[in-house]
Amino acid sequence: LRRGAGPKLVACTTWEGITAPAEVLEPLFTNFDQVWVPSLANRTAFGGGSRRGLHIIPHAFDDEAPDPMRQGEGDSDRFRFYYVGAWTCRKNPGSLIRAFAHAFRPGSRAELVIHSPGCPMEAFVAALAATGLSQDELPTITLSNKHVGVDSLAKLHADADCFVTASRGEAWNLPAFDAMRAGRH
C-alpha cells in the first residue's frame, strides 16, 4: 500500500485501559494514515479529538446518531438471550446452545436468538441435535442467518435482554462492544 494519494494504511485496534501509553500511540499514528477503534472509550484512550486520523468504526452504530438501543420495546413475557457472531469453532456457538438447552425448558420465559450471518441451517440443526434433547425438550432457540442492514441489526440488539457468548479465543469482540453500548451485558 502506498501512502499519500494512493490507498491508505489503516490500523484497526482496541485498548483495554483508560489511556494508551505513548510507546503504543506514537508508532501507531506515525506509521498509519488512520486508526480505527470500536468505541468512544477507545477513542478517548487513544487521544480523543486531539489525534488526527482517529475514527470510531463500530460494528453497527454511529456514536453521533440517536441511540437505537434505547428505542427497543421491552417484552415482559420473555427474557431474550442474544448471540451475534460468526459460526466458527473459535466462537463456539454449539457450546452456547448446549448450555442454554440444558439450563431452560420449553415454555420458560427464556429464549436464545443466534444472529450468525451465513450460518448454514444444517450447522444450526446439528448443534440442536448435539444437545441430546428432542425437539419437544428444547427451549426456544432461533437462528437469524441472513446478512442484515444497520437498522435491522440495531433492532435485533434492541430486542435483546442479555448478550451472551461462549468464545474460546476472542474474549473481547466487536459484538461485545455493541452489546455494552446497547446496555446489554
N, C-alpha and C. Protein backbone atom coordinates (compact mmCIF):
# COMPACT_ATOMS: atom_id res chain seq x y z
N LEU A 1 0.83 -1.19 0.00
CA LEU A 1 0.00 0.00 0.00
C LEU A 1 0.87 1.25 0.00
N ARG A 2 0.45 2.22 -0.76
CA ARG A 2 1.21 3.48 -0.81
C ARG A 2 0.57 4.49 0.13
N ARG A 3 1.39 5.37 0.64
CA ARG A 3 0.88 6.46 1.46
C ARG A 3 0.67 7.67 0.57
N GLY A 4 -0.05 8.64 1.07
CA GLY A 4 -0.28 9.86 0.29
C GLY A 4 -1.52 9.73 -0.55
N ALA A 5 -1.37 9.92 -1.88
CA ALA A 5 -2.51 9.93 -2.79
C ALA A 5 -3.08 8.53 -3.02
N GLY A 6 -2.30 7.50 -2.79
CA GLY A 6 -2.76 6.13 -3.04
C GLY A 6 -3.61 5.60 -1.90
N PRO A 7 -3.75 4.28 -1.84
CA PRO A 7 -4.53 3.67 -0.77
C PRO A 7 -3.97 4.05 0.60
N LYS A 8 -4.86 4.11 1.56
CA LYS A 8 -4.47 4.49 2.92
C LYS A 8 -4.05 3.26 3.72
N LEU A 9 -3.10 3.45 4.60
CA LEU A 9 -2.74 2.43 5.57
C LEU A 9 -3.60 2.66 6.81
N VAL A 10 -4.37 1.66 7.18
CA VAL A 10 -5.30 1.80 8.28
C VAL A 10 -4.99 0.75 9.34
N ALA A 11 -4.92 1.19 10.60
CA ALA A 11 -4.79 0.27 11.72
C ALA A 11 -6.15 0.18 12.40
N CYS A 12 -6.63 -1.03 12.61
CA CYS A 12 -7.88 -1.25 13.33
C CYS A 12 -7.49 -1.94 14.62
N THR A 13 -7.73 -1.28 15.76
CA THR A 13 -7.21 -1.80 17.02
C THR A 13 -8.12 -1.41 18.18
N THR A 14 -7.76 -1.85 19.36
CA THR A 14 -8.50 -1.52 20.57
C THR A 14 -7.52 -1.44 21.73
N TRP A 15 -7.97 -0.86 22.83
CA TRP A 15 -7.14 -0.75 24.02
C TRP A 15 -8.02 -1.01 25.23
N GLU A 16 -7.55 -1.81 26.18
CA GLU A 16 -8.38 -2.17 27.32
C GLU A 16 -8.17 -1.27 28.53
N GLY A 17 -7.25 -0.34 28.45
CA GLY A 17 -7.02 0.56 29.57
C GLY A 17 -7.67 1.91 29.36
N ILE A 18 -7.49 2.80 30.30
CA ILE A 18 -8.08 4.14 30.22
C ILE A 18 -7.31 5.01 29.24
N THR A 19 -5.97 4.90 29.25
CA THR A 19 -5.14 5.68 28.34
C THR A 19 -4.05 4.80 27.76
N ALA A 20 -3.93 4.79 26.45
CA ALA A 20 -2.84 4.04 25.81
C ALA A 20 -1.54 4.81 26.01
N PRO A 21 -0.44 4.12 26.34
CA PRO A 21 0.84 4.80 26.57
C PRO A 21 1.45 5.33 25.27
N ALA A 22 2.32 6.31 25.41
CA ALA A 22 2.98 6.96 24.27
C ALA A 22 3.72 5.95 23.39
N GLU A 23 4.33 4.92 23.98
CA GLU A 23 5.06 3.95 23.18
C GLU A 23 4.13 3.12 22.28
N VAL A 24 2.85 3.12 22.56
CA VAL A 24 1.85 2.49 21.68
C VAL A 24 1.33 3.52 20.68
N LEU A 25 1.03 4.71 21.18
CA LEU A 25 0.40 5.75 20.35
C LEU A 25 1.30 6.29 19.24
N GLU A 26 2.52 6.63 19.57
CA GLU A 26 3.39 7.28 18.59
C GLU A 26 3.64 6.44 17.35
N PRO A 27 4.05 5.17 17.48
CA PRO A 27 4.25 4.36 16.26
C PRO A 27 2.94 4.18 15.48
N LEU A 28 1.85 4.07 16.20
CA LEU A 28 0.55 3.88 15.55
C LEU A 28 0.20 5.07 14.66
N PHE A 29 0.32 6.27 15.20
CA PHE A 29 -0.05 7.45 14.45
C PHE A 29 1.04 7.91 13.48
N THR A 30 2.26 7.43 13.66
CA THR A 30 3.35 7.75 12.73
C THR A 30 3.30 6.83 11.51
N ASN A 31 2.97 5.57 11.72
CA ASN A 31 3.05 4.57 10.65
C ASN A 31 1.76 4.32 9.88
N PHE A 32 0.65 4.89 10.35
CA PHE A 32 -0.63 4.66 9.69
C PHE A 32 -1.32 5.98 9.37
N ASP A 33 -2.08 5.98 8.28
CA ASP A 33 -2.84 7.17 7.89
C ASP A 33 -4.06 7.37 8.77
N GLN A 34 -4.67 6.26 9.16
CA GLN A 34 -5.85 6.32 10.02
C GLN A 34 -5.76 5.22 11.06
N VAL A 35 -6.39 5.48 12.20
CA VAL A 35 -6.51 4.48 13.26
C VAL A 35 -8.00 4.34 13.55
N TRP A 36 -8.51 3.12 13.40
CA TRP A 36 -9.92 2.84 13.65
C TRP A 36 -10.07 2.11 14.97
N VAL A 37 -10.97 2.58 15.80
CA VAL A 37 -11.26 1.95 17.08
C VAL A 37 -12.76 1.69 17.17
N PRO A 38 -13.19 0.74 18.02
CA PRO A 38 -14.60 0.34 18.02
C PRO A 38 -15.52 1.09 18.98
N SER A 39 -15.01 2.07 19.74
CA SER A 39 -15.90 2.71 20.71
C SER A 39 -15.40 4.09 21.12
N LEU A 40 -16.30 4.83 21.73
CA LEU A 40 -15.96 6.14 22.27
C LEU A 40 -14.89 6.02 23.36
N ALA A 41 -15.00 4.98 24.18
CA ALA A 41 -13.99 4.76 25.23
C ALA A 41 -12.61 4.56 24.61
N ASN A 42 -12.54 3.80 23.51
CA ASN A 42 -11.25 3.61 22.85
C ASN A 42 -10.75 4.90 22.23
N ARG A 43 -11.65 5.68 21.65
CA ARG A 43 -11.22 6.96 21.08
C ARG A 43 -10.59 7.82 22.16
N THR A 44 -11.17 7.83 23.33
CA THR A 44 -10.63 8.59 24.46
C THR A 44 -9.25 8.03 24.86
N ALA A 45 -9.14 6.70 24.94
CA ALA A 45 -7.87 6.07 25.32
C ALA A 45 -6.75 6.37 24.33
N PHE A 46 -7.12 6.57 23.07
CA PHE A 46 -6.13 6.84 22.03
C PHE A 46 -5.92 8.32 21.77
N GLY A 47 -6.42 9.18 22.62
CA GLY A 47 -6.14 10.60 22.50
C GLY A 47 -7.31 11.45 22.07
N GLY A 48 -8.48 10.84 21.88
CA GLY A 48 -9.69 11.58 21.57
C GLY A 48 -9.56 12.50 20.37
N GLY A 49 -10.15 13.68 20.47
CA GLY A 49 -10.17 14.64 19.38
C GLY A 49 -8.82 15.25 19.07
N SER A 50 -7.82 15.03 19.93
CA SER A 50 -6.51 15.63 19.68
C SER A 50 -5.71 14.86 18.63
N ARG A 51 -6.17 13.70 18.22
CA ARG A 51 -5.44 12.88 17.24
C ARG A 51 -6.11 12.94 15.88
N ARG A 52 -5.40 13.45 14.90
CA ARG A 52 -5.90 13.46 13.53
C ARG A 52 -5.85 12.05 12.97
N GLY A 53 -6.89 11.63 12.28
CA GLY A 53 -6.92 10.30 11.68
C GLY A 53 -7.48 9.23 12.57
N LEU A 54 -8.00 9.59 13.75
CA LEU A 54 -8.58 8.62 14.67
C LEU A 54 -10.09 8.59 14.43
N HIS A 55 -10.62 7.39 14.15
CA HIS A 55 -12.04 7.25 13.83
C HIS A 55 -12.66 6.11 14.62
N ILE A 56 -13.90 6.30 15.01
CA ILE A 56 -14.67 5.20 15.59
C ILE A 56 -15.36 4.50 14.43
N ILE A 57 -15.10 3.23 14.30
CA ILE A 57 -15.73 2.42 13.27
C ILE A 57 -16.43 1.26 13.98
N PRO A 58 -17.57 1.53 14.59
CA PRO A 58 -18.25 0.45 15.32
C PRO A 58 -18.95 -0.50 14.37
N HIS A 59 -19.34 -1.62 14.90
CA HIS A 59 -19.98 -2.68 14.13
C HIS A 59 -21.29 -2.20 13.52
N ALA A 60 -22.09 -1.46 14.26
CA ALA A 60 -23.40 -1.09 13.74
C ALA A 60 -23.85 0.31 14.11
N PHE A 61 -23.02 1.09 14.74
CA PHE A 61 -23.51 2.34 15.28
C PHE A 61 -22.65 3.55 14.93
N ASP A 62 -23.28 4.66 14.82
CA ASP A 62 -22.64 5.96 14.70
C ASP A 62 -22.84 6.64 16.05
N ASP A 63 -21.76 6.92 16.78
CA ASP A 63 -21.89 7.49 18.12
C ASP A 63 -22.56 8.86 18.13
N GLU A 64 -22.61 9.53 17.00
CA GLU A 64 -23.24 10.84 16.94
C GLU A 64 -24.75 10.73 16.66
N ALA A 65 -25.21 9.55 16.23
CA ALA A 65 -26.62 9.37 15.88
C ALA A 65 -27.43 9.08 17.14
N PRO A 66 -28.75 9.28 17.08
CA PRO A 66 -29.59 8.89 18.21
C PRO A 66 -29.39 7.40 18.50
N ASP A 67 -29.45 7.05 19.74
CA ASP A 67 -29.15 5.68 20.14
C ASP A 67 -30.33 4.76 19.88
N PRO A 68 -30.24 3.86 18.88
CA PRO A 68 -31.36 2.97 18.59
C PRO A 68 -31.60 1.94 19.69
N MET A 69 -30.59 1.73 20.53
CA MET A 69 -30.73 0.73 21.58
C MET A 69 -31.76 1.13 22.63
N ARG A 70 -31.90 2.40 22.84
CA ARG A 70 -32.83 2.87 23.86
C ARG A 70 -34.25 2.94 23.35
N GLN A 71 -34.45 2.59 22.07
CA GLN A 71 -35.77 2.68 21.49
C GLN A 71 -36.48 1.33 21.41
N GLY A 72 -35.82 0.24 21.82
CA GLY A 72 -36.44 -1.08 21.76
C GLY A 72 -37.59 -1.18 22.76
N GLU A 73 -38.60 -1.92 22.38
CA GLU A 73 -39.73 -2.10 23.27
C GLU A 73 -39.50 -3.37 24.08
N GLY A 74 -39.65 -3.27 25.37
CA GLY A 74 -39.48 -4.43 26.23
C GLY A 74 -40.64 -5.40 26.07
N ASP A 75 -40.40 -6.64 26.37
CA ASP A 75 -41.42 -7.67 26.32
C ASP A 75 -41.34 -8.40 27.65
N SER A 76 -42.26 -8.10 28.54
CA SER A 76 -42.19 -8.65 29.90
C SER A 76 -42.50 -10.15 29.92
N ASP A 77 -42.99 -10.69 28.81
CA ASP A 77 -43.34 -12.11 28.78
C ASP A 77 -42.15 -13.02 28.48
N ARG A 78 -41.01 -12.46 28.18
CA ARG A 78 -39.85 -13.29 27.85
C ARG A 78 -38.56 -12.58 28.24
N PHE A 79 -37.50 -13.36 28.33
CA PHE A 79 -36.16 -12.82 28.55
C PHE A 79 -35.32 -13.37 27.41
N ARG A 80 -34.84 -12.49 26.55
CA ARG A 80 -34.13 -12.92 25.33
C ARG A 80 -32.62 -12.81 25.51
N PHE A 81 -31.96 -13.99 25.44
CA PHE A 81 -30.51 -14.05 25.38
C PHE A 81 -30.13 -13.91 23.90
N TYR A 82 -29.04 -13.24 23.62
CA TYR A 82 -28.71 -12.89 22.25
C TYR A 82 -27.23 -13.13 21.98
N TYR A 83 -26.96 -13.90 20.94
CA TYR A 83 -25.60 -14.12 20.47
C TYR A 83 -25.49 -13.53 19.08
N VAL A 84 -24.43 -12.78 18.82
CA VAL A 84 -24.16 -12.28 17.47
C VAL A 84 -22.70 -12.58 17.17
N GLY A 85 -22.46 -13.24 16.06
CA GLY A 85 -21.09 -13.54 15.68
C GLY A 85 -21.04 -14.62 14.63
N ALA A 86 -19.84 -14.89 14.17
CA ALA A 86 -19.63 -15.91 13.15
C ALA A 86 -19.88 -17.30 13.74
N TRP A 87 -20.26 -18.22 12.88
CA TRP A 87 -20.46 -19.61 13.29
C TRP A 87 -19.16 -20.35 13.05
N THR A 88 -18.25 -20.28 14.02
CA THR A 88 -16.94 -20.93 13.91
C THR A 88 -16.63 -21.65 15.20
N CYS A 89 -15.70 -22.60 15.15
CA CYS A 89 -15.28 -23.31 16.37
C CYS A 89 -14.76 -22.33 17.42
N ARG A 90 -14.02 -21.34 16.96
CA ARG A 90 -13.43 -20.37 17.88
C ARG A 90 -14.51 -19.59 18.63
N LYS A 91 -15.60 -19.26 17.95
CA LYS A 91 -16.69 -18.52 18.60
C LYS A 91 -17.58 -19.43 19.44
N ASN A 92 -17.60 -20.73 19.11
CA ASN A 92 -18.18 -21.76 19.94
C ASN A 92 -19.69 -21.67 20.17
N PRO A 93 -20.49 -21.36 19.15
CA PRO A 93 -21.93 -21.25 19.37
C PRO A 93 -22.58 -22.58 19.76
N GLY A 94 -22.02 -23.71 19.35
CA GLY A 94 -22.58 -25.01 19.71
C GLY A 94 -22.61 -25.21 21.22
N SER A 95 -21.52 -24.84 21.90
CA SER A 95 -21.49 -24.97 23.37
C SER A 95 -22.50 -24.04 24.03
N LEU A 96 -22.67 -22.86 23.45
CA LEU A 96 -23.66 -21.92 23.98
C LEU A 96 -25.06 -22.52 23.86
N ILE A 97 -25.37 -23.12 22.73
CA ILE A 97 -26.68 -23.75 22.52
C ILE A 97 -26.87 -24.90 23.51
N ARG A 98 -25.85 -25.74 23.69
CA ARG A 98 -25.98 -26.86 24.64
C ARG A 98 -26.22 -26.35 26.06
N ALA A 99 -25.46 -25.34 26.47
CA ALA A 99 -25.64 -24.80 27.83
C ALA A 99 -27.04 -24.22 28.01
N PHE A 100 -27.50 -23.47 27.03
CA PHE A 100 -28.83 -22.87 27.11
C PHE A 100 -29.91 -23.95 27.15
N ALA A 101 -29.78 -24.95 26.27
CA ALA A 101 -30.77 -26.01 26.19
C ALA A 101 -30.90 -26.80 27.48
N HIS A 102 -29.81 -26.93 28.22
CA HIS A 102 -29.85 -27.69 29.47
C HIS A 102 -30.20 -26.81 30.67
N ALA A 103 -30.13 -25.50 30.51
CA ALA A 103 -30.47 -24.60 31.61
C ALA A 103 -31.95 -24.23 31.62
N PHE A 104 -32.60 -24.28 30.45
CA PHE A 104 -34.00 -23.85 30.34
C PHE A 104 -34.83 -24.95 29.69
N ARG A 105 -36.12 -24.91 29.92
CA ARG A 105 -37.05 -25.90 29.39
C ARG A 105 -38.07 -25.25 28.48
N PRO A 106 -38.76 -26.04 27.66
CA PRO A 106 -39.81 -25.49 26.80
C PRO A 106 -40.85 -24.77 27.66
N GLY A 107 -41.37 -23.69 27.14
CA GLY A 107 -42.38 -22.93 27.88
C GLY A 107 -41.81 -21.95 28.88
N SER A 108 -40.48 -21.97 29.08
CA SER A 108 -39.88 -21.00 30.01
C SER A 108 -39.89 -19.63 29.36
N ARG A 109 -39.72 -18.61 30.15
CA ARG A 109 -39.69 -17.24 29.62
C ARG A 109 -38.42 -16.97 28.80
N ALA A 110 -37.42 -17.80 28.93
CA ALA A 110 -36.13 -17.55 28.28
C ALA A 110 -36.13 -18.04 26.84
N GLU A 111 -35.46 -17.26 25.99
CA GLU A 111 -35.22 -17.70 24.62
C GLU A 111 -33.83 -17.25 24.21
N LEU A 112 -33.26 -17.96 23.26
CA LEU A 112 -31.93 -17.65 22.75
C LEU A 112 -32.06 -17.33 21.27
N VAL A 113 -31.57 -16.16 20.87
CA VAL A 113 -31.53 -15.78 19.46
C VAL A 113 -30.07 -15.77 19.03
N ILE A 114 -29.78 -16.54 18.00
CA ILE A 114 -28.44 -16.62 17.43
C ILE A 114 -28.45 -15.82 16.13
N HIS A 115 -27.68 -14.73 16.07
CA HIS A 115 -27.54 -14.00 14.81
C HIS A 115 -26.15 -14.28 14.27
N SER A 116 -26.11 -15.11 13.24
CA SER A 116 -24.84 -15.54 12.64
C SER A 116 -25.00 -15.54 11.12
N PRO A 117 -24.76 -14.38 10.49
CA PRO A 117 -24.94 -14.29 9.04
C PRO A 117 -24.13 -15.35 8.29
N GLY A 118 -24.80 -16.02 7.37
CA GLY A 118 -24.13 -17.02 6.56
C GLY A 118 -24.09 -18.41 7.18
N CYS A 119 -24.55 -18.56 8.41
CA CYS A 119 -24.53 -19.88 9.04
C CYS A 119 -25.47 -20.82 8.28
N PRO A 120 -24.97 -21.96 7.84
CA PRO A 120 -25.86 -22.91 7.16
C PRO A 120 -26.88 -23.48 8.15
N MET A 121 -28.10 -23.62 7.72
CA MET A 121 -29.15 -24.17 8.57
C MET A 121 -28.76 -25.56 9.08
N GLU A 122 -28.04 -26.31 8.26
CA GLU A 122 -27.62 -27.66 8.67
C GLU A 122 -26.74 -27.61 9.92
N ALA A 123 -25.84 -26.61 10.00
CA ALA A 123 -24.96 -26.48 11.17
C ALA A 123 -25.77 -26.17 12.43
N PHE A 124 -26.77 -25.31 12.28
CA PHE A 124 -27.64 -24.96 13.39
C PHE A 124 -28.43 -26.19 13.86
N VAL A 125 -29.01 -26.92 12.92
CA VAL A 125 -29.79 -28.12 13.25
C VAL A 125 -28.89 -29.16 13.93
N ALA A 126 -27.66 -29.30 13.45
CA ALA A 126 -26.71 -30.24 14.07
C ALA A 126 -26.39 -29.82 15.50
N ALA A 127 -26.27 -28.52 15.75
CA ALA A 127 -25.99 -28.04 17.11
C ALA A 127 -27.18 -28.32 18.03
N LEU A 128 -28.39 -28.17 17.52
CA LEU A 128 -29.58 -28.51 18.31
C LEU A 128 -29.59 -30.01 18.64
N ALA A 129 -29.27 -30.83 17.64
CA ALA A 129 -29.24 -32.28 17.86
C ALA A 129 -28.15 -32.66 18.87
N ALA A 130 -27.03 -31.94 18.85
CA ALA A 130 -25.91 -32.24 19.76
C ALA A 130 -26.26 -32.00 21.23
N THR A 131 -27.37 -31.33 21.49
CA THR A 131 -27.78 -31.13 22.89
C THR A 131 -28.24 -32.45 23.50
N GLY A 132 -28.62 -33.42 22.64
CA GLY A 132 -29.12 -34.70 23.13
C GLY A 132 -30.58 -34.64 23.54
N LEU A 133 -31.22 -33.51 23.30
CA LEU A 133 -32.63 -33.34 23.66
C LEU A 133 -33.50 -33.46 22.41
N SER A 134 -34.71 -33.95 22.60
CA SER A 134 -35.64 -34.00 21.47
C SER A 134 -36.20 -32.59 21.25
N GLN A 135 -36.84 -32.39 20.12
CA GLN A 135 -37.39 -31.07 19.80
C GLN A 135 -38.39 -30.60 20.86
N ASP A 136 -39.17 -31.53 21.43
CA ASP A 136 -40.14 -31.11 22.47
C ASP A 136 -39.46 -30.77 23.79
N GLU A 137 -38.22 -31.17 23.98
CA GLU A 137 -37.50 -30.86 25.22
C GLU A 137 -36.68 -29.57 25.14
N LEU A 138 -36.59 -28.99 23.94
CA LEU A 138 -35.77 -27.79 23.74
C LEU A 138 -36.52 -26.52 24.09
N PRO A 139 -35.83 -25.58 24.75
CA PRO A 139 -36.42 -24.25 24.92
C PRO A 139 -36.38 -23.52 23.58
N THR A 140 -36.90 -22.31 23.53
CA THR A 140 -36.93 -21.55 22.28
C THR A 140 -35.52 -21.08 21.91
N ILE A 141 -35.03 -21.58 20.78
CA ILE A 141 -33.72 -21.20 20.23
C ILE A 141 -33.95 -20.93 18.75
N THR A 142 -33.65 -19.71 18.31
CA THR A 142 -33.87 -19.37 16.90
C THR A 142 -32.58 -18.87 16.26
N LEU A 143 -32.53 -19.02 14.95
CA LEU A 143 -31.37 -18.60 14.18
C LEU A 143 -31.76 -17.50 13.21
N SER A 144 -31.00 -16.42 13.22
CA SER A 144 -31.08 -15.37 12.21
C SER A 144 -29.77 -15.47 11.43
N ASN A 145 -29.84 -16.01 10.20
CA ASN A 145 -28.59 -16.25 9.47
C ASN A 145 -28.46 -15.43 8.19
N LYS A 146 -29.31 -14.45 8.02
CA LYS A 146 -29.23 -13.57 6.84
C LYS A 146 -28.40 -12.34 7.18
N HIS A 147 -27.69 -11.83 6.20
CA HIS A 147 -26.99 -10.56 6.38
C HIS A 147 -28.04 -9.47 6.46
N VAL A 148 -27.92 -8.59 7.44
CA VAL A 148 -28.91 -7.53 7.63
C VAL A 148 -28.24 -6.17 7.64
N GLY A 149 -29.02 -5.13 7.38
CA GLY A 149 -28.50 -3.77 7.41
C GLY A 149 -28.39 -3.26 8.84
N VAL A 150 -27.85 -2.07 8.97
CA VAL A 150 -27.63 -1.46 10.27
C VAL A 150 -28.94 -1.34 11.07
N ASP A 151 -30.02 -0.91 10.42
CA ASP A 151 -31.29 -0.75 11.14
C ASP A 151 -31.81 -2.07 11.67
N SER A 152 -31.75 -3.13 10.85
CA SER A 152 -32.22 -4.44 11.30
C SER A 152 -31.33 -5.00 12.40
N LEU A 153 -30.02 -4.78 12.29
CA LEU A 153 -29.12 -5.25 13.33
C LEU A 153 -29.39 -4.50 14.63
N ALA A 154 -29.62 -3.21 14.54
CA ALA A 154 -29.94 -2.42 15.74
C ALA A 154 -31.22 -2.94 16.38
N LYS A 155 -32.20 -3.34 15.58
CA LYS A 155 -33.46 -3.89 16.11
C LYS A 155 -33.20 -5.20 16.84
N LEU A 156 -32.36 -6.07 16.25
CA LEU A 156 -32.02 -7.32 16.93
C LEU A 156 -31.38 -7.04 18.28
N HIS A 157 -30.43 -6.09 18.31
CA HIS A 157 -29.78 -5.71 19.56
C HIS A 157 -30.82 -5.18 20.55
N ALA A 158 -31.69 -4.30 20.08
CA ALA A 158 -32.65 -3.65 20.96
C ALA A 158 -33.66 -4.62 21.54
N ASP A 159 -33.95 -5.70 20.82
CA ASP A 159 -34.92 -6.68 21.30
C ASP A 159 -34.31 -7.67 22.29
N ALA A 160 -33.00 -7.57 22.52
CA ALA A 160 -32.32 -8.49 23.42
C ALA A 160 -32.32 -7.96 24.85
N ASP A 161 -32.28 -8.88 25.77
CA ASP A 161 -32.15 -8.50 27.19
C ASP A 161 -30.73 -8.71 27.69
N CYS A 162 -30.03 -9.66 27.08
CA CYS A 162 -28.70 -10.00 27.57
C CYS A 162 -27.87 -10.55 26.42
N PHE A 163 -26.69 -10.00 26.21
CA PHE A 163 -25.76 -10.50 25.21
C PHE A 163 -24.97 -11.65 25.82
N VAL A 164 -24.82 -12.75 25.08
CA VAL A 164 -24.06 -13.91 25.57
C VAL A 164 -23.07 -14.37 24.51
N THR A 165 -22.00 -14.97 24.97
CA THR A 165 -21.02 -15.55 24.07
C THR A 165 -20.34 -16.72 24.79
N ALA A 166 -19.79 -17.63 24.02
CA ALA A 166 -19.05 -18.76 24.58
C ALA A 166 -17.71 -18.88 23.86
N SER A 167 -17.17 -17.77 23.42
CA SER A 167 -15.97 -17.75 22.62
C SER A 167 -14.79 -18.43 23.32
N ARG A 168 -14.04 -19.19 22.54
CA ARG A 168 -12.84 -19.86 23.08
C ARG A 168 -11.59 -19.03 22.89
N GLY A 169 -11.59 -18.12 21.91
CA GLY A 169 -10.36 -17.44 21.60
C GLY A 169 -10.50 -15.96 21.34
N GLU A 170 -11.63 -15.40 21.67
CA GLU A 170 -11.83 -13.97 21.44
C GLU A 170 -12.59 -13.42 22.64
N ALA A 171 -11.85 -13.07 23.67
CA ALA A 171 -12.50 -12.66 24.91
C ALA A 171 -13.23 -11.34 24.77
N TRP A 172 -12.82 -10.52 23.85
CA TRP A 172 -13.42 -9.18 23.71
C TRP A 172 -13.58 -8.89 22.24
N ASN A 173 -14.81 -8.97 21.73
CA ASN A 173 -15.01 -8.79 20.30
C ASN A 173 -15.94 -7.62 20.02
N LEU A 174 -16.06 -7.28 18.75
CA LEU A 174 -16.89 -6.15 18.35
C LEU A 174 -18.35 -6.29 18.77
N PRO A 175 -18.98 -7.47 18.64
CA PRO A 175 -20.34 -7.58 19.14
C PRO A 175 -20.46 -7.28 20.63
N ALA A 176 -19.42 -7.58 21.40
CA ALA A 176 -19.46 -7.25 22.83
C ALA A 176 -19.50 -5.74 23.04
N PHE A 177 -18.75 -5.00 22.23
CA PHE A 177 -18.82 -3.53 22.31
C PHE A 177 -20.22 -3.05 21.99
N ASP A 178 -20.82 -3.63 20.95
CA ASP A 178 -22.19 -3.27 20.58
C ASP A 178 -23.15 -3.52 21.75
N ALA A 179 -23.01 -4.70 22.35
CA ALA A 179 -23.90 -5.06 23.45
C ALA A 179 -23.72 -4.10 24.63
N MET A 180 -22.48 -3.74 24.92
CA MET A 180 -22.24 -2.77 26.01
C MET A 180 -22.90 -1.44 25.70
N ARG A 181 -22.72 -0.98 24.47
CA ARG A 181 -23.30 0.29 24.09
C ARG A 181 -24.82 0.25 24.18
N ALA A 182 -25.38 -0.93 23.94
CA ALA A 182 -26.82 -1.12 23.99
C ALA A 182 -27.31 -1.30 25.42
N GLY A 183 -26.38 -1.40 26.38
CA GLY A 183 -26.78 -1.65 27.75
C GLY A 183 -27.14 -3.10 27.99
N ARG A 184 -26.70 -3.99 27.09
CA ARG A 184 -26.94 -5.42 27.24
C ARG A 184 -25.63 -6.05 27.69
N HIS A 185 -25.62 -6.73 28.82
CA HIS A 185 -24.38 -7.32 29.30
C HIS A 185 -24.63 -8.60 30.03
